[in-house]
Amino acid sequence: MKKAFKLRKPGLLGSPFKILILNFIAWIVGVLWITPFIGIFMTSIRPFREVVIYGWWAFTPFTFTLKNYIDALFNPMFSLGKGILNSFIIAIPSTLIPVSIAALTAYGFARFSLPVKKYLFATILFLMAVPQQMTIIPIFFLLRNLHLLNTYLGLILVHSSWGIPWITFFLRNYFSLLPVELEEAARVDGATDFQVFRKVVLPLALPGIISASVLQFAWVWNDFFFALMLIFDPNKMVVTQMLPRLKGQYQVDWGLLSSGSVIAMLAPLLIYALFNRYYMRGFRGWAMKR
């Protein structure tokens, strides 16, 4: 007996209508998300007097000025330029170190069988869920006993150790999607496991590695909590610590504070713009099902 199949009629959420609704929602969310940044940028290029008298969103009269940016970068008390340099000193190694370690670890989880592999991976998932506030006291005393408190190296080690679990989880899923046949062919030709990883796996996994690197760099750059608790020397403070000090002693200078915020956002935005193509490919590959 032949089975009868009923044709389903397209509902209200058919393809064209659904796309229209989703695009409309995306535009609304995008406008709501970007509106505060427009206000911050416009405030950063206006004199302090105009902002105080007429408000953030009153653009008439409007006097263009870059004085706020100059004052923020070269503030005699708390130079944002020095904070940016310190952030680069900490963010670059805090990205390279955990990505390098996590890439090797993730490849081991993805390709090799270990008796306790499931328990080790469960431990990594648990470490990802631990909040910073729960660990700051033992970290503080550990760095103090090792004479690494209030140093670049101490903060780099903290950020690196914090990044290894989630990067391992991210790259392990990415490595598991790569074709095993290429690795087996390389081993037949006499390549060692490390040579297979370096010459075959890394080039294929480059989008995923760059995606993890961009996220780790942005997280370290934007971090305030660890820097606040572990760095006290004004000459070693990062950009997120410098920003609150620009508000002024007796009144909040919104133009100065806004210009500092714009400057602090430039580095992550630049990194994302430079590696956007690899970044998007990495996330698309990570989301694929084998």
Protein backbone atom coordinates (compact mmCIF):
# COMPACT_ATOMS: atom_id res chain seq x y z
CA MET A 1 0.00 0.00 0.00
CA LYS A 2 1.31 3.37 -0.94
CA LYS A 3 1.55 5.92 1.80
CA ALA A 4 -0.03 9.28 1.20
CA PHE A 5 2.05 12.31 1.93
CA LYS A 6 0.47 15.65 2.74
CA LEU A 7 2.11 18.81 1.52
CA ARG A 8 2.65 21.29 4.32
CA LYS A 9 1.49 24.80 3.60
CA PRO A 10 3.93 27.53 4.45
CA GLY A 11 2.83 29.30 7.61
CA LEU A 12 3.09 32.93 8.57
CA LEU A 13 6.75 32.38 9.32
CA GLY A 14 7.50 31.28 5.77
CA SER A 15 10.92 31.99 4.35
CA PRO A 16 10.51 35.61 3.07
CA PHE A 17 8.42 36.76 6.02
CA LYS A 18 10.68 35.07 8.53
CA ILE A 19 13.78 36.68 7.04
CA LEU A 20 12.08 40.08 7.12
CA ILE A 21 11.14 39.70 10.79
CA LEU A 22 14.62 38.48 11.76
CA ASN A 23 16.27 41.35 9.90
CA PHE A 24 13.97 43.85 11.60
CA ILE A 25 14.79 42.43 15.04
CA ALA A 26 18.51 42.44 14.21
CA TRP A 27 18.34 46.11 13.19
CA ILE A 28 16.50 47.05 16.39
CA VAL A 29 19.05 45.22 18.55
CA GLY A 30 21.92 46.77 16.57
CA VAL A 31 20.56 50.30 16.99
CA LEU A 32 20.00 49.79 20.73
CA TRP A 33 23.51 48.38 21.10
CA ILE A 34 25.33 51.09 19.14
CA THR A 35 23.41 54.14 20.44
CA PRO A 36 25.41 54.48 23.70
CA PHE A 37 28.68 54.29 21.74
CA ILE A 38 27.51 57.11 19.47
CA GLY A 39 26.75 59.21 22.55
CA ILE A 40 30.18 58.49 24.04
CA PHE A 41 31.97 59.34 20.80
CA MET A 42 30.06 62.59 20.27
CA THR A 43 30.75 63.63 23.86
CA SER A 44 34.45 62.90 23.44
CA ILE A 45 34.84 65.47 20.63
CA ARG A 46 32.94 68.31 22.33
CA PRO A 47 34.13 70.82 24.96
CA PHE A 48 33.25 70.11 28.56
CA ARG A 49 31.14 73.27 28.85
CA GLU A 50 28.83 72.27 25.97
CA VAL A 51 28.23 68.82 27.40
CA VAL A 52 27.39 70.18 30.86
CA ILE A 53 25.09 72.98 29.67
CA TYR A 54 23.28 71.36 26.74
CA GLY A 55 23.58 67.66 27.57
CA TRP A 56 24.92 64.61 25.72
CA TRP A 57 22.27 64.43 23.03
CA ALA A 58 21.86 68.12 22.20
CA PHE A 59 24.17 68.58 19.22
CA THR A 60 23.45 72.28 18.68
CA PRO A 61 25.61 74.17 19.28
CA PHE A 62 28.42 71.78 18.39
CA THR A 63 32.12 72.66 18.65
CA PHE A 64 34.56 70.04 17.41
CA THR A 65 37.71 69.55 19.51
CA LEU A 66 40.40 66.91 20.07
CA LYS A 67 41.53 68.41 23.36
CA ASN A 68 39.87 65.64 25.35
CA TYR A 69 41.92 62.98 23.54
CA ILE A 70 45.17 64.88 24.04
CA ASP A 71 44.45 65.40 27.73
CA ALA A 72 43.53 61.73 28.19
CA LEU A 73 46.66 60.41 26.49
CA PHE A 74 49.09 62.82 28.13
CA ASN A 75 47.48 63.43 31.52
CA PRO A 76 50.31 64.42 33.91
CA MET A 77 48.77 62.48 36.81
CA PHE A 78 47.39 59.37 35.10
CA SER A 79 48.48 59.03 31.49
CA LEU A 80 46.19 56.80 29.48
CA GLY A 81 49.03 56.32 26.99
CA LYS A 82 51.07 54.61 29.71
CA GLY A 83 48.07 52.45 30.60
CA ILE A 84 47.69 51.38 26.96
CA LEU A 85 51.36 50.39 26.82
CA ASN A 86 50.99 48.37 30.04
CA SER A 87 47.88 46.67 28.64
CA PHE A 88 49.79 45.60 25.52
CA ILE A 89 52.68 44.33 27.66
CA ILE A 90 50.25 42.11 29.56
CA ALA A 91 47.70 41.22 26.86
CA ILE A 92 50.10 39.96 24.17
CA PRO A 93 51.90 37.27 26.25
CA SER A 94 48.64 36.52 28.08
CA THR A 95 47.25 35.55 24.68
CA LEU A 96 50.21 33.71 23.16
CA ILE A 97 51.00 31.58 26.22
CA PRO A 98 47.54 30.06 26.87
CA VAL A 99 46.77 29.59 23.17
CA SER A 100 50.04 27.69 22.66
CA ILE A 101 49.50 25.45 25.70
CA ALA A 102 45.79 24.94 25.06
CA ALA A 103 46.35 24.04 21.39
CA LEU A 104 48.60 21.11 22.35
CA THR A 105 46.26 20.06 25.15
CA ALA A 106 43.18 20.26 22.94
CA TYR A 107 44.83 18.18 20.22
CA GLY A 108 45.61 15.50 22.79
CA PHE A 109 41.99 15.44 23.94
CA ALA A 110 40.71 15.31 20.36
CA ARG A 111 42.99 12.59 18.97
CA PHE A 112 44.50 10.43 21.71
CA SER A 113 42.90 7.97 24.11
CA LEU A 114 43.75 8.30 27.78
CA PRO A 115 42.34 6.27 30.69
CA VAL A 116 41.23 9.41 32.56
CA LYS A 117 40.53 11.65 29.57
CA LYS A 118 36.85 12.10 30.41
CA TYR A 119 37.63 13.08 33.99
CA LEU A 120 40.32 15.53 32.90
CA PHE A 121 37.96 17.14 30.42
CA ALA A 122 35.25 17.35 33.09
CA THR A 123 37.79 19.13 35.30
CA ILE A 124 38.39 21.66 32.54
CA LEU A 125 34.65 22.29 32.26
CA PHE A 126 34.50 22.77 36.03
CA LEU A 127 37.36 25.28 35.98
CA MET A 128 35.53 27.28 33.32
CA ALA A 129 32.61 27.72 35.73
CA VAL A 130 34.68 28.98 38.69
CA PRO A 131 34.16 32.75 39.18
CA GLN A 132 37.12 35.08 39.59
CA GLN A 133 35.94 36.30 42.98
CA MET A 134 36.18 32.78 44.41
CA THR A 135 39.87 32.44 43.56
CA ILE A 136 41.26 35.94 44.11
CA ILE A 137 42.27 35.43 47.77
CA PRO A 138 44.45 32.31 47.20
CA ILE A 139 45.84 33.91 44.02
CA PHE A 140 46.74 37.06 45.96
CA PHE A 141 48.63 35.16 48.67
CA LEU A 142 50.28 32.84 46.15
CA LEU A 143 51.66 35.76 44.13
CA ARG A 144 52.74 37.52 47.31
CA ASN A 145 54.68 34.47 48.50
CA LEU A 146 56.31 34.14 45.06
CA HIS A 147 57.16 37.88 45.03
CA LEU A 148 55.07 38.30 41.87
CA LEU A 149 52.47 40.63 43.35
CA ASN A 150 52.33 44.03 41.64
CA THR A 151 54.34 42.75 38.65
CA TYR A 152 53.64 42.25 34.97
CA LEU A 153 54.65 38.60 35.17
CA GLY A 154 52.23 37.83 37.99
CA LEU A 155 49.25 39.25 36.10
CA ILE A 156 50.35 37.51 32.89
CA LEU A 157 50.46 34.15 34.67
CA VAL A 158 47.00 34.70 36.17
CA HIS A 159 45.45 35.62 32.82
CA SER A 160 47.22 32.73 31.09
CA SER A 161 46.05 30.14 33.61
CA TRP A 162 42.53 31.55 33.43
CA GLY A 163 42.46 31.32 29.65
CA ILE A 164 43.80 27.77 29.24
CA PRO A 165 40.58 25.89 30.23
CA TRP A 166 38.15 27.65 27.90
CA ILE A 167 40.62 27.76 24.99
CA THR A 168 41.23 24.02 25.43
CA PHE A 169 37.49 23.39 25.33
CA PHE A 170 37.08 25.61 22.26
CA LEU A 171 39.98 24.12 20.27
CA ARG A 172 39.24 20.54 21.26
CA ASN A 173 35.85 20.80 19.57
CA TYR A 174 37.47 22.45 16.55
CA PHE A 175 40.22 19.81 16.21
CA SER A 176 37.66 17.01 16.41
CA LEU A 177 36.04 18.34 13.21
CA LEU A 178 39.24 18.14 11.15
CA PRO A 179 39.63 15.15 8.79
CA VAL A 180 41.75 12.39 10.33
CA GLU A 181 42.78 11.02 6.91
CA LEU A 182 45.32 13.82 6.34
CA GLU A 183 47.01 13.07 9.66
CA GLU A 184 47.11 9.34 8.92
CA ALA A 185 48.66 10.02 5.51
CA ALA A 186 51.36 12.14 7.14
CA ARG A 187 52.13 9.39 9.65
CA VAL A 188 52.43 6.86 6.82
CA ASP A 189 55.07 9.16 5.29
CA GLY A 190 57.04 8.96 8.54
CA ALA A 191 55.93 12.13 10.35
CA THR A 192 55.95 12.14 14.14
CA ASP A 193 52.95 13.22 16.19
CA PHE A 194 54.44 16.66 16.76
CA GLN A 195 55.25 17.05 13.06
CA VAL A 196 51.68 16.08 12.19
CA PHE A 197 50.41 18.67 14.64
CA ARG A 198 52.73 21.43 13.41
CA LYS A 199 52.58 20.84 9.64
CA VAL A 200 49.09 19.40 9.12
CA VAL A 201 46.78 20.27 11.99
CA LEU A 202 47.88 23.84 12.76
CA PRO A 203 47.41 25.17 9.20
CA LEU A 204 43.94 23.61 9.04
CA ALA A 205 43.00 24.89 12.49
CA LEU A 206 44.34 28.42 11.95
CA PRO A 207 40.85 30.06 11.84
CA GLY A 208 39.89 28.44 15.13
CA ILE A 209 43.19 29.40 16.77
CA ILE A 210 42.83 33.01 15.60
CA SER A 211 39.24 33.11 16.89
CA ALA A 212 40.39 31.94 20.32
CA SER A 213 43.29 34.41 20.27
CA VAL A 214 41.03 37.37 19.46
CA LEU A 215 38.63 36.46 22.26
CA GLN A 216 41.44 35.93 24.78
CA PHE A 217 43.13 39.23 23.84
CA ALA A 218 39.85 41.13 24.19
CA TRP A 219 39.11 39.50 27.53
CA VAL A 220 42.56 40.33 28.96
CA TRP A 221 42.44 43.87 27.56
CA ASN A 222 39.02 44.56 29.09
CA ASP A 223 39.74 42.88 32.43
CA PHE A 224 39.47 45.15 35.43
CA PHE A 225 39.07 42.82 38.41
CA PHE A 226 42.40 40.98 38.36
CA ALA A 227 44.31 44.16 37.52
CA LEU A 228 42.60 46.05 40.35
CA MET A 229 43.44 43.37 42.91
CA LEU A 230 47.00 42.55 41.79
CA ILE A 231 48.51 45.81 40.45
CA PHE A 232 49.02 48.83 42.74
CA ASP A 233 51.90 50.74 41.16
CA PRO A 234 50.49 53.66 39.08
CA ASN A 235 53.30 53.14 36.54
CA LYS A 236 52.15 49.54 35.97
CA MET A 237 48.39 50.09 35.86
CA VAL A 238 46.54 48.96 32.74
CA VAL A 239 44.13 51.05 30.70
CA THR A 240 41.01 49.82 32.53
CA GLN A 241 42.51 51.01 35.82
CA MET A 242 43.42 54.39 34.37
CA LEU A 243 39.94 55.17 33.04
CA PRO A 244 38.19 55.78 36.41
CA ARG A 245 41.01 58.13 37.42
CA LEU A 246 40.18 60.45 34.53
CA LYS A 247 36.82 61.45 36.00
CA GLY A 248 38.25 64.44 37.87
CA GLN A 249 38.65 65.32 41.53
CA TYR A 250 35.66 67.61 42.13
CA GLN A 251 33.42 66.95 39.12
CA VAL A 252 33.15 64.36 36.37
CA ASP A 253 34.74 65.54 33.13
CA TRP A 254 32.50 63.62 30.73
CA GLY A 255 34.47 64.65 27.66
CA LEU A 256 37.75 63.40 29.13
CA LEU A 257 36.17 60.18 30.39
CA SER A 258 34.44 59.54 27.05
CA SER A 259 37.60 60.12 25.03
CA GLY A 260 39.46 57.71 27.30
CA SER A 261 36.74 55.10 26.77
CA VAL A 262 36.97 55.49 22.99
CA ILE A 263 40.76 55.13 23.09
CA ALA A 264 40.48 52.01 25.27
CA MET A 265 38.09 50.40 22.76
CA LEU A 266 40.36 50.94 19.77
CA ALA A 267 42.80 48.06 20.34
CA PRO A 268 40.20 45.23 20.53
CA LEU A 269 38.30 46.73 17.60
CA LEU A 270 41.50 46.93 15.54
CA ILE A 271 42.42 43.32 16.34
CA TYR A 272 38.93 42.18 15.39
CA ALA A 273 39.00 44.18 12.13
CA LEU A 274 42.40 42.75 11.12
CA PHE A 275 41.42 39.13 11.77
CA ASN A 276 37.69 39.33 11.05
CA ARG A 277 37.86 36.90 8.11
CA TYR A 278 39.61 34.19 10.14
CA TYR A 279 37.49 34.98 13.20
CA MET A 280 34.21 34.32 11.38
CA ARG A 281 35.58 31.21 9.65
CA GLY A 282 36.70 29.87 13.01
CA PHE A 283 33.26 30.21 14.56
CA ARG A 284 31.51 28.78 11.52
CA GLY A 285 33.82 25.78 11.61
CA TRP A 286 33.35 25.36 15.36
CA ALA A 287 29.57 25.32 14.95
CA MET A 288 29.61 22.65 12.22
CA LYS A 289 28.52 19.12 13.00
CA ARG A 290 30.72 16.34 11.84
